[in-house]
Amino acid sequence: MPLPTLQELEELSGSYRFILELQRISSLAQEGHEAASQLLITMLRGKHSWKNDSRWMAATLNALARSGTPAALKEVLEQCRQVPADSPYGRVELFSSLLLFFADSCRQAALDGLYHLLKEKNSAARAIGFQALCNFLLEGYVNTDEKPPLKETLLKFDGDRFFTRNVVDLALEELSRGTGVPGDDALLYDGIIVDS
C-alpha cells in the first residue's frame, strides 16, 4: 500500500483513519522506509503549528517518536528547540515523555541532545531537557558512570513554570538512593494524607 499524500492526510486530520495512517507510516519508518520517515518530518515542518493545530502536531510528533530512528530523534530535538516558550505544561510533558522512545535505539544521542536542550534560551525547551533527563534516569536508561554528572546538573536546576521541580526532586531522590545515601521516605509522603 503506497504512502498517503500530505493532502490526503490533511483531509483525514482529526479522524480515526488519520491515527491509523500515522501508525502505519510510523511502523514503515521504524523498518527503515526512508520516505515514511521523511513524510512524518514534512508533516511537522509544514503549515501546521502548535498554535494553530496542536492535535495535528501532537499526533504527528507521537508517530515520529515511535519510529525511534536517528532521523526522527534529530527532528524531535529540533521541534523541542522550536516549541513556543508559552506552551502549556502538557505539551512540555508530551515532548519529555516521547523522548523515551529513543532510549533503546539512540540512547547516547538522545542524552547528548537533552543536555544541549538545557543550554537553550527557550524555557520550554530547557524544561523538556530537564524532564526527559529525569525520565531517562527514573526508567533505568542512565548508566552508573553517567549519574554523578547528571546529579550535578540537576542540583543546578533553579525552577520553572512547568512543574519540572517535581520530577527533578524525584530524580535527585533516586540518585541519592543509588549512591548508598539513605533516602528519607518521609519526603515522598510530605503533604499526603495517609489513612491509618
C-alpha atoms as a PDB file:
ATOM      1  CA  MET A   1       0.000   0.000   0.000  1.00  0.00           C
ATOM      2  CA  PRO A   2       1.555   3.334  -1.038  1.00  0.00           C
ATOM      3  CA  LEU A   3       2.106   6.193   1.363  1.00  0.00           C
ATOM      4  CA  PRO A   4      -0.682   8.760   1.513  1.00  0.00           C
ATOM      5  CA  THR A   5      -0.021  12.245   0.234  1.00  0.00           C
ATOM      6  CA  LEU A   6       0.137  15.194   2.564  1.00  0.00           C
ATOM      7  CA  GLN A   7      -3.186  16.410   1.142  1.00  0.00           C
ATOM      8  CA  GLU A   8      -4.838  13.044   1.839  1.00  0.00           C
ATOM      9  CA  LEU A   9      -3.577  13.160   5.413  1.00  0.00           C
ATOM     10  CA  GLU A  10      -4.878  16.701   5.852  1.00  0.00           C
ATOM     11  CA  GLU A  11      -8.311  15.535   4.672  1.00  0.00           C
ATOM     12  CA  LEU A  12      -8.217  12.737   7.276  1.00  0.00           C
ATOM     13  CA  SER A  13      -6.975  15.006  10.079  1.00  0.00           C
ATOM     14  CA  GLY A  14      -8.847  14.536  13.320  1.00  0.00           C
ATOM     15  CA  SER A  15     -10.345  11.193  12.302  1.00  0.00           C
ATOM     16  CA  TYR A  16      -9.629   7.659  13.457  1.00  0.00           C
ATOM     17  CA  ARG A  17      -8.293   6.856   9.976  1.00  0.00           C
ATOM     18  CA  PHE A  18      -5.745   9.650  10.396  1.00  0.00           C
ATOM     19  CA  ILE A  19      -4.382   7.947  13.524  1.00  0.00           C
ATOM     20  CA  LEU A  20      -4.310   4.565  11.770  1.00  0.00           C
ATOM     21  CA  GLU A  21      -2.390   6.051   8.854  1.00  0.00           C
ATOM     22  CA  LEU A  22       0.099   7.670  11.224  1.00  0.00           C
ATOM     23  CA  GLN A  23       0.639   4.321  12.957  1.00  0.00           C
ATOM     24  CA  ARG A  24       1.251   2.633   9.612  1.00  0.00           C
ATOM     25  CA  ILE A  25       3.660   5.357   8.478  1.00  0.00           C
ATOM     26  CA  SER A  26       5.493   5.184  11.814  1.00  0.00           C
ATOM     27  CA  SER A  27       5.898   1.404  11.503  1.00  0.00           C
ATOM     28  CA  LEU A  28       7.266   1.791   7.987  1.00  0.00           C
ATOM     29  CA  ALA A  29       9.729   4.420   9.195  1.00  0.00           C
ATOM     30  CA  GLN A  30      10.840   2.122  12.019  1.00  0.00           C
ATOM     31  CA  GLU A  31      11.504  -0.603   9.434  1.00  0.00           C
ATOM     32  CA  GLY A  32      13.798   1.767   7.541  1.00  0.00           C
ATOM     33  CA  HIS A  33      11.397   3.121   4.898  1.00  0.00           C
ATOM     34  CA  GLU A  34      13.055   6.498   4.291  1.00  0.00           C
ATOM     35  CA  ALA A  35      10.046   8.041   2.512  1.00  0.00           C
ATOM     36  CA  ALA A  36       7.824   7.266   5.511  1.00  0.00           C
ATOM     37  CA  SER A  37      10.232   8.959   7.889  1.00  0.00           C
ATOM     38  CA  GLN A  38      10.520  11.965   5.587  1.00  0.00           C
ATOM     39  CA  LEU A  39       6.724  12.239   5.307  1.00  0.00           C
ATOM     40  CA  LEU A  40       6.386  12.495   9.097  1.00  0.00           C
ATOM     41  CA  ILE A  41       9.117  15.133   9.234  1.00  0.00           C
ATOM     42  CA  THR A  42       7.439  17.069   6.415  1.00  0.00           C
ATOM     43  CA  MET A  43       4.148  16.939   8.319  1.00  0.00           C
ATOM     44  CA  LEU A  44       5.804  18.569  11.340  1.00  0.00           C
ATOM     45  CA  ARG A  45       7.541  21.244   9.279  1.00  0.00           C
ATOM     46  CA  GLY A  46       4.526  22.132   7.143  1.00  0.00           C
ATOM     47  CA  LYS A  47       1.852  24.771   7.545  1.00  0.00           C
ATOM     48  CA  HIS A  48       0.609  23.351  10.833  1.00  0.00           C
ATOM     49  CA  SER A  49       1.984  24.683  14.107  1.00  0.00           C
ATOM     50  CA  TRP A  50       1.464  24.240  17.822  1.00  0.00           C
ATOM     51  CA  LYS A  51      -0.506  27.478  17.903  1.00  0.00           C
ATOM     52  CA  ASN A  52      -2.930  26.696  15.062  1.00  0.00           C
ATOM     53  CA  ASP A  53      -3.242  22.881  15.140  1.00  0.00           C
ATOM     54  CA  SER A  54      -1.814  21.262  18.243  1.00  0.00           C
ATOM     55  CA  ARG A  55      -3.708  17.986  17.643  1.00  0.00           C
ATOM     56  CA  TRP A  56      -2.030  17.532  14.240  1.00  0.00           C
ATOM     57  CA  MET A  57       1.369  18.344  15.741  1.00  0.00           C
ATOM     58  CA  ALA A  58       0.953  16.071  18.775  1.00  0.00           C
ATOM     59  CA  ALA A  59      -0.269  13.086  16.739  1.00  0.00           C
ATOM     60  CA  THR A  60       2.491  13.504  14.152  1.00  0.00           C
ATOM     61  CA  LEU A  61       5.186  14.002  16.786  1.00  0.00           C
ATOM     62  CA  ASN A  62       3.981  10.856  18.535  1.00  0.00           C
ATOM     63  CA  ALA A  63       4.171   8.843  15.296  1.00  0.00           C
ATOM     64  CA  LEU A  64       7.632  10.161  14.517  1.00  0.00           C
ATOM     65  CA  ALA A  65       8.980   9.430  18.013  1.00  0.00           C
ATOM     66  CA  ARG A  66       7.578   5.901  17.949  1.00  0.00           C
ATOM     67  CA  SER A  67       9.634   5.177  14.831  1.00  0.00           C
ATOM     68  CA  GLY A  68      12.734   5.536  17.037  1.00  0.00           C
ATOM     69  CA  THR A  69      15.107   6.317  14.168  1.00  0.00           C
ATOM     70  CA  PRO A  70      18.139   8.639  14.326  1.00  0.00           C
ATOM     71  CA  ALA A  71      16.473  10.988  11.807  1.00  0.00           C
ATOM     72  CA  ALA A  72      13.357  11.040  13.983  1.00  0.00           C
ATOM     73  CA  LEU A  73      15.414  11.879  17.077  1.00  0.00           C
ATOM     74  CA  LYS A  74      17.097  14.737  15.255  1.00  0.00           C
ATOM     75  CA  GLU A  75      13.721  16.170  14.207  1.00  0.00           C
ATOM     76  CA  VAL A  76      12.114  15.703  17.635  1.00  0.00           C
ATOM     77  CA  LEU A  77      15.020  17.534  19.274  1.00  0.00           C
ATOM     78  CA  GLU A  78      14.656  20.324  16.705  1.00  0.00           C
ATOM     79  CA  GLN A  79      10.943  20.516  17.486  1.00  0.00           C
ATOM     80  CA  CYS A  80      11.864  20.756  21.188  1.00  0.00           C
ATOM     81  CA  ARG A  81      14.060  23.772  20.444  1.00  0.00           C
ATOM     82  CA  GLN A  82      11.241  25.420  18.487  1.00  0.00           C
ATOM     83  CA  VAL A  83       8.364  24.714  20.886  1.00  0.00           C
ATOM     84  CA  PRO A  84       6.762  28.016  21.918  1.00  0.00           C
ATOM     85  CA  ALA A  85       8.061  29.290  25.258  1.00  0.00           C
ATOM     86  CA  ASP A  86       4.467  29.981  26.317  1.00  0.00           C
ATOM     87  CA  SER A  87       3.495  26.326  25.800  1.00  0.00           C
ATOM     88  CA  PRO A  88       1.211  24.719  28.359  1.00  0.00           C
ATOM     89  CA  TYR A  89       2.628  22.212  30.817  1.00  0.00           C
ATOM     90  CA  GLY A  90       1.034  19.272  28.976  1.00  0.00           C
ATOM     91  CA  ARG A  91       2.958  19.986  25.791  1.00  0.00           C
ATOM     92  CA  VAL A  92       6.272  20.025  27.669  1.00  0.00           C
ATOM     93  CA  GLU A  93       5.344  16.766  29.367  1.00  0.00           C
ATOM     94  CA  LEU A  94       4.367  15.240  25.996  1.00  0.00           C
ATOM     95  CA  PHE A  95       7.771  16.037  24.500  1.00  0.00           C
ATOM     96  CA  SER A  96       9.689  14.773  27.528  1.00  0.00           C
ATOM     97  CA  SER A  97       7.686  11.534  27.589  1.00  0.00           C
ATOM     98  CA  LEU A  98       8.000  10.864  23.849  1.00  0.00           C
ATOM     99  CA  LEU A  99      11.780  11.200  24.004  1.00  0.00           C
ATOM    100  CA  LEU A 100      11.838   7.902  25.926  1.00  0.00           C
ATOM    101  CA  PHE A 101      11.051   6.129  22.634  1.00  0.00           C
ATOM    102  CA  PHE A 102      14.703   6.760  21.732  1.00  0.00           C
ATOM    103  CA  ALA A 103      16.103   5.224  24.924  1.00  0.00           C
ATOM    104  CA  ASP A 104      16.831   1.862  23.305  1.00  0.00           C
ATOM    105  CA  SER A 105      17.600   2.785  19.700  1.00  0.00           C
ATOM    106  CA  CYS A 106      19.514   6.055  20.125  1.00  0.00           C
ATOM    107  CA  ARG A 107      20.222   6.323  23.872  1.00  0.00           C
ATOM    108  CA  GLN A 108      23.532   8.198  23.799  1.00  0.00           C
ATOM    109  CA  ALA A 109      22.485  10.584  21.026  1.00  0.00           C
ATOM    110  CA  ALA A 110      19.243  11.271  22.912  1.00  0.00           C
ATOM    111  CA  LEU A 111      21.079  12.009  26.175  1.00  0.00           C
ATOM    112  CA  ASP A 112      23.535  14.299  24.367  1.00  0.00           C
ATOM    113  CA  GLY A 113      20.619  16.118  22.740  1.00  0.00           C
ATOM    114  CA  LEU A 114      18.857  16.537  26.073  1.00  0.00           C
ATOM    115  CA  TYR A 115      21.935  18.093  27.660  1.00  0.00           C
ATOM    116  CA  HIS A 116      22.075  20.524  24.712  1.00  0.00           C
ATOM    117  CA  LEU A 117      18.449  21.496  25.365  1.00  0.00           C
ATOM    118  CA  LEU A 118      19.465  22.662  28.844  1.00  0.00           C
ATOM    119  CA  LYS A 119      21.509  25.429  27.178  1.00  0.00           C
ATOM    120  CA  GLU A 120      18.562  26.825  25.192  1.00  0.00           C
ATOM    121  CA  LYS A 121      17.210  30.291  25.990  1.00  0.00           C
ATOM    122  CA  ASN A 122      13.685  28.953  25.450  1.00  0.00           C
ATOM    123  CA  SER A 123      12.332  28.000  28.903  1.00  0.00           C
ATOM    124  CA  ALA A 124      10.029  25.314  27.461  1.00  0.00           C
ATOM    125  CA  ALA A 125      12.950  23.640  25.658  1.00  0.00           C
ATOM    126  CA  ARG A 126      15.008  23.672  28.869  1.00  0.00           C
ATOM    127  CA  ALA A 127      12.101  22.174  30.805  1.00  0.00           C
ATOM    128  CA  ILE A 128      11.795  19.385  28.221  1.00  0.00           C
ATOM    129  CA  GLY A 129      15.509  18.691  28.597  1.00  0.00           C
ATOM    130  CA  PHE A 130      15.367  18.502  32.392  1.00  0.00           C
ATOM    131  CA  GLN A 131      12.174  16.447  32.473  1.00  0.00           C
ATOM    132  CA  ALA A 132      13.374  13.995  29.817  1.00  0.00           C
ATOM    133  CA  LEU A 133      16.743  13.506  31.539  1.00  0.00           C
ATOM    134  CA  CYS A 134      14.874  12.714  34.744  1.00  0.00           C
ATOM    135  CA  ASN A 135      12.598  10.302  32.856  1.00  0.00           C
ATOM    136  CA  PHE A 136      15.637   8.514  31.393  1.00  0.00           C
ATOM    137  CA  LEU A 137      17.068   8.134  34.903  1.00  0.00           C
ATOM    138  CA  LEU A 138      13.819   7.013  36.524  1.00  0.00           C
ATOM    139  CA  GLU A 139      13.213   4.452  33.748  1.00  0.00           C
ATOM    140  CA  GLY A 140      16.720   2.994  34.142  1.00  0.00           C
ATOM    141  CA  TYR A 141      18.382   4.366  30.989  1.00  0.00           C
ATOM    142  CA  VAL A 142      21.230   6.219  32.726  1.00  0.00           C
ATOM    143  CA  ASN A 143      24.409   4.233  33.347  1.00  0.00           C
ATOM    144  CA  THR A 144      26.160   4.316  36.723  1.00  0.00           C
ATOM    145  CA  ASP A 145      29.064   6.405  35.400  1.00  0.00           C
ATOM    146  CA  GLU A 146      26.589   8.951  33.959  1.00  0.00           C
ATOM    147  CA  LYS A 147      24.814   9.512  37.271  1.00  0.00           C
ATOM    148  CA  PRO A 148      27.292  11.871  39.020  1.00  0.00           C
ATOM    149  CA  PRO A 149      27.305  14.440  36.174  1.00  0.00           C
ATOM    150  CA  LEU A 150      23.515  14.160  35.923  1.00  0.00           C
ATOM    151  CA  LYS A 151      23.169  14.786  39.651  1.00  0.00           C
ATOM    152  CA  GLU A 152      25.450  17.813  39.365  1.00  0.00           C
ATOM    153  CA  THR A 153      23.290  19.129  36.519  1.00  0.00           C
ATOM    154  CA  LEU A 154      20.028  18.557  38.383  1.00  0.00           C
ATOM    155  CA  LEU A 155      21.340  20.300  41.500  1.00  0.00           C
ATOM    156  CA  LYS A 156      21.760  23.448  39.360  1.00  0.00           C
ATOM    157  CA  PHE A 157      18.061  23.448  38.366  1.00  0.00           C
ATOM    158  CA  ASP A 158      16.523  26.705  39.585  1.00  0.00           C
ATOM    159  CA  GLY A 159      12.827  26.223  38.830  1.00  0.00           C
ATOM    160  CA  ASP A 160      10.343  26.975  36.061  1.00  0.00           C
ATOM    161  CA  ARG A 161       6.597  27.242  35.477  1.00  0.00           C
ATOM    162  CA  PHE A 162       6.334  23.723  34.017  1.00  0.00           C
ATOM    163  CA  PHE A 163       6.368  21.815  37.337  1.00  0.00           C
ATOM    164  CA  THR A 164       9.805  20.447  36.459  1.00  0.00           C
ATOM    165  CA  ARG A 165      10.839  20.734  40.107  1.00  0.00           C
ATOM    166  CA  ASN A 166       8.669  17.704  40.948  1.00  0.00           C
ATOM    167  CA  VAL A 167      10.462  15.312  38.594  1.00  0.00           C
ATOM    168  CA  VAL A 168      13.878  16.821  39.416  1.00  0.00           C
ATOM    169  CA  ASP A 169      13.253  16.136  43.113  1.00  0.00           C
ATOM    170  CA  LEU A 170      12.220  12.541  42.328  1.00  0.00           C
ATOM    171  CA  ALA A 171      15.356  12.059  40.240  1.00  0.00           C
ATOM    172  CA  LEU A 172      17.593  13.525  42.945  1.00  0.00           C
ATOM    173  CA  GLU A 173      15.966  11.218  45.497  1.00  0.00           C
ATOM    174  CA  GLU A 174      16.639   8.263  43.186  1.00  0.00           C
ATOM    175  CA  LEU A 175      20.250   9.360  42.719  1.00  0.00           C
ATOM    176  CA  SER A 176      20.698   9.632  46.492  1.00  0.00           C
ATOM    177  CA  ARG A 177      19.413   6.095  46.945  1.00  0.00           C
ATOM    178  CA  GLY A 178      21.658   4.800  44.181  1.00  0.00           C
ATOM    179  CA  THR A 179      24.821   6.200  45.764  1.00  0.00           C
ATOM    180  CA  GLY A 180      24.318   4.451  49.073  1.00  0.00           C
ATOM    181  CA  VAL A 181      22.994   7.526  50.851  1.00  0.00           C
ATOM    182  CA  PRO A 182      19.922   6.502  52.804  1.00  0.00           C
ATOM    183  CA  GLY A 183      16.837   8.172  51.364  1.00  0.00           C
ATOM    184  CA  ASP A 184      14.198   9.742  53.531  1.00  0.00           C
ATOM    185  CA  ASP A 185      10.907   8.105  52.514  1.00  0.00           C
ATOM    186  CA  ALA A 186       9.061  10.709  54.544  1.00  0.00           C
ATOM    187  CA  LEU A 187       9.918  13.240  51.806  1.00  0.00           C
ATOM    188  CA  LEU A 188       7.940  11.178  49.332  1.00  0.00           C
ATOM    189  CA  TYR A 189       4.857  11.388  51.519  1.00  0.00           C
ATOM    190  CA  ASP A 190       5.224  15.001  52.626  1.00  0.00           C
ATOM    191  CA  GLY A 191       1.865  16.692  52.245  1.00  0.00           C
ATOM    192  CA  ILE A 192      -0.027  13.459  51.532  1.00  0.00           C
ATOM    193  CA  ILE A 193      -2.717  12.386  53.986  1.00  0.00           C
ATOM    194  CA  VAL A 194      -2.465   8.699  54.732  1.00  0.00           C
ATOM    195  CA  ASP A 195      -5.349   6.795  56.335  1.00  0.00           C
ATOM    196  CA  SER A 196      -4.305   4.703  59.275  1.00  0.00           C
END
